């Protein structure tokens, strides 16, 4: 019996010794590998954990050989080492630093990076334009682009413009309504096109109702009225019904493409709209010099956004301008609202599912732009229900309109994150 006990004891010692040997051997394998005093992610002693989706709190181990520098941020709270070594992030060199036991085993966590919302970089009282500039950190973050000389296919005018899908572009503003709880009626929702020379440019989110722009001037009918009864004429992405949306001639007054003579300009937009939103809100709008020289079909419609911008704004066919508070979107506004990958696509080919799905300004119905098509004296450019840009007779048919305006540079930020549910409030 005693022999059996001794044998079992010896076997136990051997097993414990073997286990300790392999444990020690495995532990030594976890020694961290250093390069220029910075641990390498390929070290056997590193477990790199990446968050699966923003805010989920779920992480998966990755076998990446480099530290993530785009789309993730180092989580200092979760990143730990088993034997007490301390981890930190070297933001300049984009590497993890460790101080402590070089034979430690460490778990390094990275969260999906979520860009800050406008309410996280701005405070009540800041100007709207400065808030948007603060929100910009790099091209495309928060779907915001600085169109400086380095931006590929950009306008090169130093404007800040939003571009991308409607769902991911948080550029909603509540205008014409004093919100008490941060919510906003649909008819008071606008979206920021961008910042131009210190002024924030807005476009009405939904198509204007005839009750807002009136049934005089260049009014034609409603979108469900005579001539528009077919359901095939676009899929409305807004909330206003087709029976409420007014459609207007571009110029049925003199029937040519001179915007200064248009009653859509002088009556529906710059009289009825101004009166209906009230003095308090109309005084927040800058009287702007609108460039309405336009250009030919081949110089705008068949061109990409950057070339169309040059031919519409910088080198128009004529130097005509109109000073007014309210206008319509430029063709180039619409072109640049699409994701940056579309800026090399001709505007006449914007009727592409990949383009329309990633253009927050596209709303699914026919609507006018501000640009005359100058190779025809009676044509102006419009956006079709499918999303392409092309010309049409200024008095042949009525189309929807969305008022566009520039806020005065002194207008302040009053709160909100920029979503449709919590739009930016105007002080």
Protein backbone atom coordinates (compact mmCIF):
# COMPACT_ATOMS: atom_id res chain seq x y z
CA UNK A 1 0.00 0.00 0.00
CA UNK A 2 2.81 2.36 0.98
CA UNK A 3 4.50 1.63 -2.35
CA UNK A 4 1.35 2.69 -4.18
CA UNK A 5 1.18 5.92 -2.19
CA UNK A 6 4.83 6.71 -2.93
CA UNK A 7 4.27 5.97 -6.61
CA UNK A 8 1.25 8.29 -6.74
CA UNK A 9 3.23 11.01 -4.97
CA UNK A 10 6.08 10.72 -7.46
CA UNK A 11 3.66 10.85 -10.36
CA UNK A 12 2.00 13.89 -8.84
CA UNK A 13 5.31 15.68 -8.52
CA UNK A 14 6.14 14.84 -12.13
CA UNK A 15 2.73 16.13 -13.33
CA UNK A 16 2.98 19.33 -11.32
CA UNK A 17 6.50 19.86 -12.53
CA UNK A 18 5.49 19.26 -16.13
CA UNK A 19 2.55 21.65 -15.81
CA UNK A 20 4.75 24.31 -14.25
CA UNK A 21 7.34 23.84 -17.00
CA UNK A 22 4.77 24.31 -19.78
CA UNK A 23 3.11 27.20 -17.97
CA UNK A 24 6.47 28.90 -17.53
CA UNK A 25 7.38 28.09 -21.12
CA UNK A 26 4.06 29.54 -22.32
CA UNK A 27 4.51 32.60 -20.16
CA UNK A 28 7.94 33.24 -21.61
CA UNK A 29 6.38 33.08 -25.07
CA UNK A 30 4.27 36.06 -24.02
CA UNK A 31 7.27 38.33 -23.73
CA UNK A 32 6.59 41.61 -25.51
CA UNK A 33 8.52 42.53 -28.63
CA UNK A 34 9.88 46.07 -28.70
CA UNK A 35 10.75 48.37 -31.54
CA UNK A 36 12.16 51.80 -30.70
CA UNK A 37 10.90 51.33 -27.13
CA UNK A 38 7.34 50.77 -28.32
CA UNK A 39 5.63 47.41 -28.12
CA UNK A 40 4.66 45.82 -31.39
CA UNK A 41 1.11 44.57 -31.93
CA UNK A 42 2.50 41.30 -33.32
CA UNK A 43 4.01 40.42 -29.93
CA UNK A 44 2.82 37.07 -28.60
CA UNK A 45 2.14 38.84 -25.31
CA UNK A 46 -0.43 41.16 -26.85
CA UNK A 47 -4.12 40.50 -27.34
CA UNK A 48 -5.53 43.30 -29.52
CA UNK A 49 -9.29 43.71 -29.09
CA UNK A 50 -11.41 45.75 -31.53
CA UNK A 51 -14.96 46.90 -30.84
CA UNK A 52 -17.39 45.23 -33.26
CA UNK A 53 -19.62 48.28 -33.75
CA UNK A 54 -19.81 51.80 -32.36
CA UNK A 55 -21.01 51.86 -28.76
CA UNK A 56 -21.69 48.12 -28.62
CA UNK A 57 -19.15 47.34 -25.91
CA UNK A 58 -18.46 44.05 -27.68
CA UNK A 59 -14.89 43.25 -28.71
CA UNK A 60 -13.21 40.65 -30.87
CA UNK A 61 -9.55 39.68 -30.94
CA UNK A 62 -7.72 40.57 -34.13
CA UNK A 63 -4.44 39.35 -35.60
CA UNK A 64 -3.53 42.70 -37.14
CA UNK A 65 0.18 43.33 -37.42
CA UNK A 66 -0.19 47.11 -37.03
CA UNK A 67 -1.97 49.32 -34.52
CA UNK A 68 -5.22 50.77 -35.93
CA UNK A 69 -4.82 54.42 -36.85
CA UNK A 70 -8.10 55.03 -38.71
CA UNK A 71 -11.60 54.35 -37.44
CA UNK A 72 -10.62 53.36 -33.91
CA UNK A 73 -9.57 55.05 -30.67
CA UNK A 74 -7.48 53.58 -27.83
CA UNK A 75 -9.55 52.63 -24.77
CA UNK A 76 -7.34 53.44 -21.77
CA UNK A 77 -9.85 52.15 -19.21
CA UNK A 78 -10.12 48.63 -20.58
CA UNK A 79 -6.52 48.18 -21.72
CA UNK A 80 -4.72 46.26 -18.97
CA UNK A 81 -1.74 43.96 -18.31
CA UNK A 82 -1.86 40.85 -16.13
CA UNK A 83 1.17 41.79 -14.01
CA UNK A 84 0.48 45.47 -13.51
CA UNK A 85 2.31 47.05 -16.42
CA UNK A 86 0.73 50.29 -17.63
CA UNK A 87 -0.37 51.02 -21.20
CA UNK A 88 -0.75 54.38 -22.93
CA UNK A 89 -1.25 55.66 -26.47
CA UNK A 90 1.37 57.68 -28.32
CA UNK A 91 -0.88 59.78 -30.52
CA UNK A 92 1.96 61.43 -32.43
CA UNK A 93 3.45 58.13 -33.57
CA UNK A 94 0.20 56.12 -33.41
CA UNK A 95 1.67 53.38 -31.19
CA UNK A 96 0.99 51.77 -27.81
CA UNK A 97 3.49 52.47 -25.03
CA UNK A 98 4.05 50.18 -22.05
CA UNK A 99 5.90 50.78 -18.80
CA UNK A 100 6.56 47.85 -16.48
CA UNK A 101 7.38 44.16 -16.79
CA UNK A 102 8.60 43.30 -20.27
CA UNK A 103 7.44 39.72 -19.76
CA UNK A 104 3.86 40.80 -19.11
CA UNK A 105 0.80 39.75 -21.09
CA UNK A 106 -1.42 42.68 -22.08
CA UNK A 107 -4.89 43.20 -23.50
CA UNK A 108 -5.18 46.30 -25.68
CA UNK A 109 -8.69 47.57 -26.47
CA UNK A 110 -9.77 49.89 -29.27
CA UNK A 111 -13.23 51.41 -29.65
CA UNK A 112 -14.86 52.28 -32.95
CA UNK A 113 -14.26 56.01 -33.40
CA UNK A 114 -17.39 58.14 -33.40
CA UNK A 115 -16.80 61.74 -34.56
CA UNK A 116 -18.11 64.38 -32.15
CA UNK A 117 -21.54 65.86 -32.82
CA UNK A 118 -21.89 69.61 -33.16
CA UNK A 119 -23.26 69.93 -29.62
CA UNK A 120 -20.01 68.40 -28.33
CA UNK A 121 -17.78 71.04 -29.89
CA UNK A 122 -20.08 74.08 -29.62
CA UNK A 123 -21.84 75.90 -26.83
CA UNK A 124 -24.86 78.15 -26.73
CA UNK A 125 -23.83 81.55 -28.05
CA UNK A 126 -21.24 80.40 -30.59
CA UNK A 127 -22.00 81.47 -34.14
CA UNK A 128 -23.42 78.78 -36.41
CA UNK A 129 -20.63 79.17 -38.93
CA UNK A 130 -17.87 78.81 -36.34
CA UNK A 131 -19.56 75.74 -34.88
CA UNK A 132 -19.46 74.00 -38.24
CA UNK A 133 -15.84 74.99 -38.73
CA UNK A 134 -15.05 73.57 -35.27
CA UNK A 135 -16.79 70.35 -36.24
CA UNK A 136 -14.45 69.88 -39.19
CA UNK A 137 -11.25 67.99 -38.35
CA UNK A 138 -10.43 66.14 -41.55
CA UNK A 139 -11.98 65.53 -44.97
CA UNK A 140 -15.16 63.48 -44.83
CA UNK A 141 -15.46 63.18 -41.06
CA UNK A 142 -19.07 63.86 -40.07
CA UNK A 143 -19.71 63.98 -43.85
CA UNK A 144 -18.14 67.45 -43.84
CA UNK A 145 -15.58 68.60 -46.41
CA UNK A 146 -13.39 71.68 -46.60
CA UNK A 147 -13.19 72.61 -50.28
CA UNK A 148 -9.68 73.99 -50.20
CA UNK A 149 -7.03 73.69 -52.89
CA UNK A 150 -6.01 70.21 -51.73
CA UNK A 151 -9.43 68.51 -51.92
CA UNK A 152 -9.64 66.21 -54.93
CA UNK A 153 -12.48 67.33 -57.25
CA UNK A 154 -13.45 70.03 -54.75
CA UNK A 155 -14.78 73.51 -55.51
CA UNK A 156 -11.52 75.18 -54.36
CA UNK A 157 -13.54 78.03 -52.80
CA UNK A 158 -12.68 77.31 -49.13
CA UNK A 159 -16.30 76.51 -48.38
CA UNK A 160 -17.36 73.83 -45.90
CA UNK A 161 -19.95 71.50 -47.46
CA UNK A 162 -21.87 68.45 -46.32
CA UNK A 163 -21.82 65.40 -48.61
CA UNK A 164 -23.08 61.85 -48.27
CA UNK A 165 -26.19 59.85 -47.56
CA UNK A 166 -29.19 61.43 -45.88
CA UNK A 167 -29.07 58.96 -43.00
CA UNK A 168 -25.46 59.69 -42.05
CA UNK A 169 -25.46 63.46 -42.61
CA UNK A 170 -26.46 65.28 -39.43
CA UNK A 171 -27.04 68.74 -40.89
CA UNK A 172 -30.65 69.37 -39.86
CA UNK A 173 -31.63 72.83 -38.60
CA UNK A 174 -34.90 74.06 -37.10
CA UNK A 175 -35.78 77.40 -38.70
CA UNK A 176 -38.94 79.46 -38.26
CA UNK A 177 -40.02 77.72 -35.06
CA UNK A 178 -39.14 78.37 -31.42
CA UNK A 179 -38.45 74.89 -30.11
CA UNK A 180 -38.81 74.39 -26.37
CA UNK A 181 -37.76 70.74 -26.16
CA UNK A 182 -35.42 70.42 -29.15
CA UNK A 183 -38.03 68.92 -31.47
CA UNK A 184 -39.14 70.61 -34.68
CA UNK A 185 -42.15 70.34 -37.04
CA UNK A 186 -41.38 68.85 -40.45
CA UNK A 187 -42.15 72.11 -42.25
CA UNK A 188 -39.54 73.92 -40.19
CA UNK A 189 -36.74 71.47 -40.87
CA UNK A 190 -33.92 72.74 -43.08
CA UNK A 191 -30.53 71.25 -43.92
CA UNK A 192 -27.13 72.91 -44.06
CA UNK A 193 -25.58 72.98 -47.52
CA UNK A 194 -22.43 74.47 -46.08
CA UNK A 195 -20.60 77.57 -44.90
CA UNK A 196 -19.73 80.17 -47.54
CA UNK A 197 -17.74 83.29 -46.62
CA UNK A 198 -18.90 83.04 -43.01
CA UNK A 199 -22.59 82.51 -43.81
CA UNK A 200 -24.44 79.24 -43.28
CA UNK A 201 -26.44 78.22 -46.34
CA UNK A 202 -29.69 76.33 -45.75
CA UNK A 203 -32.12 74.47 -47.98
CA UNK A 204 -35.61 73.50 -46.90
CA UNK A 205 -35.62 69.79 -46.09
CA UNK A 206 -39.03 69.01 -47.61
CA UNK A 207 -40.65 70.43 -50.73
CA UNK A 208 -42.51 73.65 -50.04
CA UNK A 209 -46.28 73.50 -49.67
CA UNK A 210 -48.44 75.83 -51.72
CA UNK A 211 -49.58 77.36 -48.42
CA UNK A 212 -45.99 78.53 -47.83
CA UNK A 213 -45.16 79.85 -51.30
CA UNK A 214 -48.69 80.82 -52.33
CA UNK A 215 -50.97 80.10 -55.27
CA UNK A 216 -50.20 83.33 -57.11
CA UNK A 217 -46.99 84.34 -58.88
CA UNK A 218 -45.72 81.43 -60.97
CA UNK A 219 -47.90 78.81 -59.28
CA UNK A 220 -48.93 75.94 -61.58
CA UNK A 221 -50.70 73.33 -59.42
CA UNK A 222 -49.98 70.81 -56.70
CA UNK A 223 -47.79 67.79 -57.35
CA UNK A 224 -50.88 65.57 -57.44
CA UNK A 225 -52.90 68.02 -59.50
CA UNK A 226 -53.47 68.32 -63.25
CA UNK A 227 -50.51 67.05 -65.21
CA UNK A 228 -49.03 65.32 -62.15
CA UNK A 229 -51.73 62.74 -61.45
CA UNK A 230 -49.54 59.78 -62.43
CA UNK A 231 -47.92 58.04 -59.44
CA UNK A 232 -44.90 57.30 -61.63
CA UNK A 233 -43.65 60.87 -61.26
CA UNK A 234 -41.19 60.22 -58.49
CA UNK A 235 -41.15 58.69 -55.05
CA UNK A 236 -41.39 61.44 -52.47
CA UNK A 237 -38.81 60.95 -49.69
CA UNK A 238 -40.26 63.80 -47.67
CA UNK A 239 -43.27 63.89 -45.38
CA UNK A 240 -45.39 66.51 -47.16
CA UNK A 241 -47.96 64.83 -49.38
CA UNK A 242 -48.04 65.45 -53.11
CA UNK A 243 -51.45 67.08 -52.70
CA UNK A 244 -49.81 69.70 -50.43
CA UNK A 245 -46.62 70.32 -52.42
CA UNK A 246 -46.87 73.28 -54.76
CA UNK A 247 -45.35 73.12 -58.24
CA UNK A 248 -44.25 76.32 -59.96
CA UNK A 249 -43.09 77.54 -63.33
CA UNK A 250 -39.51 78.79 -63.32
CA UNK A 251 -40.74 81.87 -65.20
CA UNK A 252 -44.19 82.02 -66.74
CA UNK A 253 -44.14 85.79 -66.52
CA UNK A 254 -41.85 86.63 -69.46
CA UNK A 255 -41.24 83.00 -70.45
CA UNK A 256 -37.49 83.32 -70.76
CA UNK A 257 -34.72 82.16 -68.47
CA UNK A 258 -34.01 85.52 -66.84
CA UNK A 259 -34.41 84.89 -63.12
CA UNK A 260 -34.89 88.57 -62.22
CA UNK A 261 -38.12 88.51 -64.25
CA UNK A 262 -39.44 85.33 -62.61
CA UNK A 263 -42.44 85.64 -60.31
CA UNK A 264 -41.29 82.45 -58.57
CA UNK A 265 -38.37 84.64 -57.53
CA UNK A 266 -40.08 87.95 -56.82
CA UNK A 267 -43.48 86.80 -55.50
CA UNK A 268 -43.44 83.18 -54.33
CA UNK A 269 -39.98 83.12 -52.74
CA UNK A 270 -39.18 86.73 -51.86
CA UNK A 271 -42.64 87.94 -50.94
CA UNK A 272 -44.95 85.09 -49.91
CA UNK A 273 -42.31 82.98 -48.22
CA UNK A 274 -40.82 85.99 -46.40
CA UNK A 275 -44.25 87.10 -45.19
CA UNK A 276 -45.26 83.61 -44.08
CA UNK A 277 -42.19 82.92 -41.95
CA UNK A 278 -42.54 86.28 -40.20
CA UNK A 279 -40.29 89.24 -39.49
CA UNK A 280 -38.40 87.61 -36.61
CA UNK A 281 -37.09 84.88 -38.90
CA UNK A 282 -36.76 86.80 -42.14
CA UNK A 283 -34.44 89.24 -40.35
CA UNK A 284 -32.04 86.35 -39.72
CA UNK A 285 -31.62 85.88 -43.48
CA UNK A 286 -28.86 87.68 -45.33
CA UNK A 287 -29.65 89.59 -48.51
CA UNK A 288 -27.38 87.68 -50.83
CA UNK A 289 -25.98 88.26 -54.31
CA UNK A 290 -27.13 85.20 -56.24
CA UNK A 291 -25.17 84.27 -59.36
CA UNK A 292 -27.71 83.45 -62.07
CA UNK A 293 -25.61 83.70 -65.25
CA UNK A 294 -25.95 79.97 -65.93
CA UNK A 295 -24.29 78.17 -68.79
CA UNK A 296 -24.91 75.75 -71.63
CA UNK A 297 -26.03 72.15 -71.38
CA UNK A 298 -22.59 70.88 -72.34
CA UNK A 299 -20.90 73.16 -69.79
CA UNK A 300 -23.10 72.18 -66.84
CA UNK A 301 -25.36 69.20 -67.48
CA UNK A 302 -22.74 67.02 -69.12
CA UNK A 303 -20.01 67.97 -66.64
CA UNK A 304 -18.85 66.69 -63.26
CA UNK A 305 -19.48 68.69 -60.09
CA UNK A 306 -16.14 70.58 -60.09
CA UNK A 307 -16.42 71.61 -63.75
CA UNK A 308 -20.10 72.49 -63.42
CA UNK A 309 -19.23 74.63 -60.39
CA UNK A 310 -16.60 76.54 -62.38
CA UNK A 311 -18.99 77.09 -65.28
CA UNK A 312 -21.95 78.00 -63.08
CA UNK A 313 -20.29 80.15 -60.42
CA UNK A 314 -16.80 81.26 -61.44
CA UNK A 315 -17.19 81.53 -65.23
CA UNK A 316 -20.91 81.69 -66.05
CA UNK A 317 -22.16 82.43 -69.54
CA UNK A 318 -23.25 85.90 -68.37
CA UNK A 319 -22.50 87.98 -65.28
CA UNK A 320 -26.13 88.34 -64.22
CA UNK A 321 -26.83 88.51 -60.50
CA UNK A 322 -29.86 89.09 -58.29
CA UNK A 323 -29.81 90.51 -54.78
CA UNK A 324 -32.43 88.72 -52.71
CA UNK A 325 -32.98 86.88 -49.45
CA UNK A 326 -34.27 83.64 -50.95
CA UNK A 327 -33.30 81.57 -53.96
CA UNK A 328 -33.05 77.94 -55.07
CA UNK A 329 -30.17 75.50 -55.00
CA UNK A 330 -27.36 75.84 -57.50
CA UNK A 331 -26.72 72.86 -59.73
CA UNK A 332 -23.30 72.58 -58.11
CA UNK A 333 -24.89 72.54 -54.63
CA UNK A 334 -26.75 69.42 -55.66
CA UNK A 335 -23.69 67.90 -57.30
CA UNK A 336 -21.50 68.39 -54.23
CA UNK A 337 -24.13 67.04 -51.82
CA UNK A 338 -23.41 63.55 -53.20
CA UNK A 339 -20.62 61.49 -51.69
CA UNK A 340 -17.13 62.50 -52.83
CA UNK A 341 -16.84 59.35 -54.96
CA UNK A 342 -19.60 60.80 -57.20
CA UNK A 343 -17.86 64.10 -57.91
CA UNK A 344 -16.19 62.56 -60.95
CA UNK A 345 -19.58 61.51 -62.41
CA UNK A 346 -21.37 63.71 -64.94
CA UNK A 347 -24.43 65.39 -63.41
CA UNK A 348 -26.58 64.07 -66.25
CA UNK A 349 -25.69 60.59 -64.94
CA UNK A 350 -26.66 61.23 -61.33
CA UNK A 351 -29.74 59.05 -61.92
CA UNK A 352 -27.74 56.17 -60.51
CA UNK A 353 -28.78 54.25 -57.41
CA UNK A 354 -25.30 54.52 -55.91
CA UNK A 355 -25.35 58.30 -56.37
CA UNK A 356 -28.88 59.01 -55.17
CA UNK A 357 -28.50 56.74 -52.15
CA UNK A 358 -25.51 58.83 -51.09
CA UNK A 359 -26.79 62.32 -51.82
CA UNK A 360 -28.61 63.86 -48.87
CA UNK A 361 -30.12 66.58 -51.09
CA UNK A 362 -31.92 64.14 -53.40
CA UNK A 363 -35.60 63.92 -52.39
CA UNK A 364 -37.22 61.95 -55.22
CA UNK A 365 -39.41 64.49 -57.07
CA UNK A 366 -38.84 66.92 -59.93
CA UNK A 367 -37.55 70.28 -58.72
CA UNK A 368 -35.99 73.45 -60.07
CA UNK A 369 -32.45 74.74 -59.63
CA UNK A 370 -31.40 78.36 -59.97
CA UNK A 371 -29.29 77.96 -63.13
CA UNK A 372 -30.50 79.00 -66.61
CA UNK A 373 -29.50 76.78 -69.54
CA UNK A 374 -28.11 79.47 -71.79
CA UNK A 375 -28.02 77.61 -75.11
CA UNK A 376 -31.83 77.82 -74.94
CA UNK A 377 -33.46 81.14 -74.07
CA UNK A 378 -36.39 79.39 -72.42
CA UNK A 379 -34.63 76.58 -70.50
CA UNK A 380 -33.41 76.21 -66.92
CA UNK A 381 -31.80 73.27 -65.16
CA UNK A 382 -33.81 70.95 -62.97
CA UNK A 383 -33.27 67.75 -60.98
CA UNK A 384 -35.39 64.84 -62.20
CA UNK A 385 -37.32 62.41 -60.04
CA UNK A 386 -34.57 59.85 -60.78
CA UNK A 387 -31.84 62.25 -59.65
CA UNK A 388 -30.20 63.43 -62.88
CA UNK A 389 -29.67 67.07 -63.86
CA UNK A 390 -31.01 68.32 -67.17
CA UNK A 391 -32.75 71.31 -68.75
CA UNK A 392 -36.43 72.02 -69.27
CA UNK A 393 -38.68 74.85 -70.48
CA UNK A 394 -39.21 77.54 -67.88
CA UNK A 395 -42.95 77.73 -68.61
CA UNK A 396 -43.59 74.27 -70.09
CA UNK A 397 -44.38 72.67 -66.75
CA UNK A 398 -44.31 73.36 -63.05
CA UNK A 399 -41.89 71.65 -60.66
CA UNK A 400 -41.41 71.59 -56.92
CA UNK A 401 -39.26 74.17 -55.17
CA UNK A 402 -37.25 74.25 -51.96
CA UNK A 403 -36.32 77.69 -50.63
CA UNK A 404 -32.59 78.26 -50.12
CA UNK A 405 -31.20 81.02 -47.92
CA UNK A 406 -28.04 82.28 -46.21
CA UNK A 407 -28.14 83.01 -42.48
CA UNK A 408 -26.43 86.19 -41.39
CA UNK A 409 -22.91 85.55 -40.13
CA UNK A 410 -23.85 86.73 -36.63
CA UNK A 411 -26.57 84.10 -36.16
CA UNK A 412 -25.82 81.93 -33.14
CA UNK A 413 -25.97 78.25 -32.31
CA UNK A 414 -28.74 77.44 -29.83
CA UNK A 415 -28.24 73.72 -29.24
CA UNK A 416 -29.07 70.43 -30.93
CA UNK A 417 -26.98 67.66 -32.47
CA UNK A 418 -28.04 68.05 -36.11
CA UNK A 419 -30.25 64.97 -36.40
CA UNK A 420 -33.83 65.26 -37.64
CA UNK A 421 -35.04 64.38 -34.13
CA UNK A 422 -32.70 66.88 -32.45
CA UNK A 423 -31.94 69.53 -35.10
CA UNK A 424 -29.62 72.46 -34.60
CA UNK A 425 -31.51 75.37 -33.06
CA UNK A 426 -31.03 78.93 -34.27
CA UNK A 427 -30.42 81.80 -31.84
